[in-house]
């Protein structure tokens, strides 16, 4: 995050700032992936000095990108919605509002 913040020139501002907003948007569009932090086998998990490693999604998950390129949006939404069939449609639309439109979710539930 520090690299993104420096790039946008937004050091020392109140959070969330423009860098937080930009990073969130990149993550929603699946262009950036927040990698895992290391968790010790014993003791308390904590972030390293580098914090979470942010990575280019395409480089971190090339197999997912390849699979997604051959899949329609409707099929992708259906794959996500299928295991959640017991969730009320209105609640599901709220949960998935950043991933799919209400119409796409309703179509996948039919």
Protein backbone atom coordinates (compact mmCIF):
# COMPACT_ATOMS: atom_id res chain seq x y z
CA UNK A 1 0.00 0.00 0.00
CA UNK A 2 2.88 2.33 0.71
CA UNK A 3 4.01 2.10 -2.90
CA UNK A 4 0.54 3.01 -4.17
CA UNK A 5 0.30 5.85 -1.66
CA UNK A 6 3.70 7.24 -2.73
CA UNK A 7 2.78 6.93 -6.41
CA UNK A 8 -0.40 8.94 -5.86
CA UNK A 9 1.35 11.41 -3.55
CA UNK A 10 -1.08 11.03 -0.65
CA UNK A 11 1.10 10.64 2.42
CA UNK A 12 -0.11 11.82 5.78
CA UNK A 13 -3.81 12.23 4.98
CA UNK A 14 -6.82 10.88 6.86
CA UNK A 15 -7.86 7.36 5.99
CA UNK A 16 -9.48 6.34 3.74
CA UNK A 17 -7.65 8.53 1.27
CA UNK A 18 -7.29 8.52 -2.52
CA UNK A 19 -4.75 5.68 -2.39
CA UNK A 20 -7.12 3.51 -0.33
CA UNK A 21 -9.95 4.27 -2.78
CA UNK A 22 -7.77 3.53 -5.82
CA UNK A 23 -6.51 0.26 -4.36
CA UNK A 24 -10.03 -0.85 -3.44
CA UNK A 25 -11.19 -0.15 -6.99
CA UNK A 26 -8.28 -2.10 -8.48
CA UNK A 27 -9.08 -5.03 -6.17
CA UNK A 28 -12.81 -4.94 -7.06
CA UNK A 29 -11.88 -5.07 -10.76
CA UNK A 30 -9.54 -7.97 -9.94
CA UNK A 31 -6.49 -6.18 -11.32
CA UNK A 32 -4.69 -6.24 -7.97
CA UNK A 33 -4.59 -9.08 -5.46
CA UNK A 34 -3.74 -8.78 -1.78
CA UNK A 35 -1.51 -11.71 -1.01
CA UNK A 36 -1.41 -13.53 2.31
CA UNK A 37 0.59 -12.48 5.31
CA UNK A 38 2.72 -15.11 6.97
CA UNK A 39 1.18 -16.83 9.98
CA UNK A 40 3.47 -18.62 12.44
CA UNK A 41 2.58 -22.16 13.47
CA UNK A 42 2.70 -21.04 17.12
CA UNK A 43 2.04 -17.65 18.56
CA UNK A 44 0.10 -14.67 17.33
CA UNK A 45 -0.22 -13.90 13.61
CA UNK A 46 1.00 -10.44 12.68
CA UNK A 47 1.88 -8.48 9.58
CA UNK A 48 5.47 -8.20 8.50
CA UNK A 49 7.09 -4.78 8.10
CA UNK A 50 6.15 -4.98 4.41
CA UNK A 51 2.47 -5.42 5.32
CA UNK A 52 0.23 -7.32 2.89
CA UNK A 53 1.92 -7.94 -0.44
CA UNK A 54 -0.18 -6.40 -3.22
CA UNK A 55 0.33 -8.16 -6.53
CA UNK A 56 -0.84 -7.83 -10.10
CA UNK A 57 -3.74 -10.30 -10.21
CA UNK A 58 -2.86 -11.51 -13.69
CA UNK A 59 0.66 -12.43 -12.60
CA UNK A 60 -0.39 -13.92 -9.24
CA UNK A 61 -3.23 -16.05 -10.66
CA UNK A 62 -2.60 -16.79 -14.35
CA UNK A 63 -4.63 -20.01 -14.18
CA UNK A 64 -7.75 -18.11 -13.03
CA UNK A 65 -7.31 -15.51 -15.76
CA UNK A 66 -7.04 -18.24 -18.42
CA UNK A 67 -10.20 -19.97 -17.13
CA UNK A 68 -12.12 -16.72 -16.86
CA UNK A 69 -11.32 -15.75 -20.45
CA UNK A 70 -13.28 -18.75 -21.71
CA UNK A 71 -16.25 -18.16 -19.40
CA UNK A 72 -19.24 -15.88 -19.92
CA UNK A 73 -20.24 -13.42 -17.21
CA UNK A 74 -23.54 -15.29 -16.80
CA UNK A 75 -21.68 -18.59 -16.22
CA UNK A 76 -19.31 -16.95 -13.73
CA UNK A 77 -22.20 -15.44 -11.77
CA UNK A 78 -24.04 -18.77 -11.83
CA UNK A 79 -20.96 -20.55 -10.45
CA UNK A 80 -20.81 -18.09 -7.54
CA UNK A 81 -24.57 -18.04 -6.88
CA UNK A 82 -25.17 -21.81 -7.11
CA UNK A 83 -23.76 -22.72 -3.67
CA UNK A 84 -25.67 -19.78 -2.16
CA UNK A 85 -29.16 -20.81 -3.34
CA UNK A 86 -30.49 -20.91 0.25
CA UNK A 87 -29.71 -17.18 0.70
CA UNK A 88 -32.69 -14.88 0.07
CA UNK A 89 -32.40 -13.13 -3.34
CA UNK A 90 -32.44 -9.65 -1.81
CA UNK A 91 -29.70 -10.56 0.68
CA UNK A 92 -27.66 -12.22 -2.06
CA UNK A 93 -27.86 -9.06 -4.19
CA UNK A 94 -26.48 -7.09 -1.22
CA UNK A 95 -23.66 -9.58 -0.62
CA UNK A 96 -22.63 -9.67 -4.28
CA UNK A 97 -23.32 -6.04 -5.22
CA UNK A 98 -19.68 -5.40 -6.13
CA UNK A 99 -19.47 -8.57 -8.23
CA UNK A 100 -22.67 -8.70 -10.27
CA UNK A 101 -25.79 -6.73 -11.09
CA UNK A 102 -29.15 -7.60 -9.58
CA UNK A 103 -30.37 -8.81 -12.99
CA UNK A 104 -27.34 -11.11 -13.42
CA UNK A 105 -27.92 -12.60 -9.96
CA UNK A 106 -31.64 -13.14 -10.58
CA UNK A 107 -30.91 -14.74 -13.95
CA UNK A 108 -28.39 -17.11 -12.34
CA UNK A 109 -30.94 -18.18 -9.71
CA UNK A 110 -33.47 -19.39 -12.29
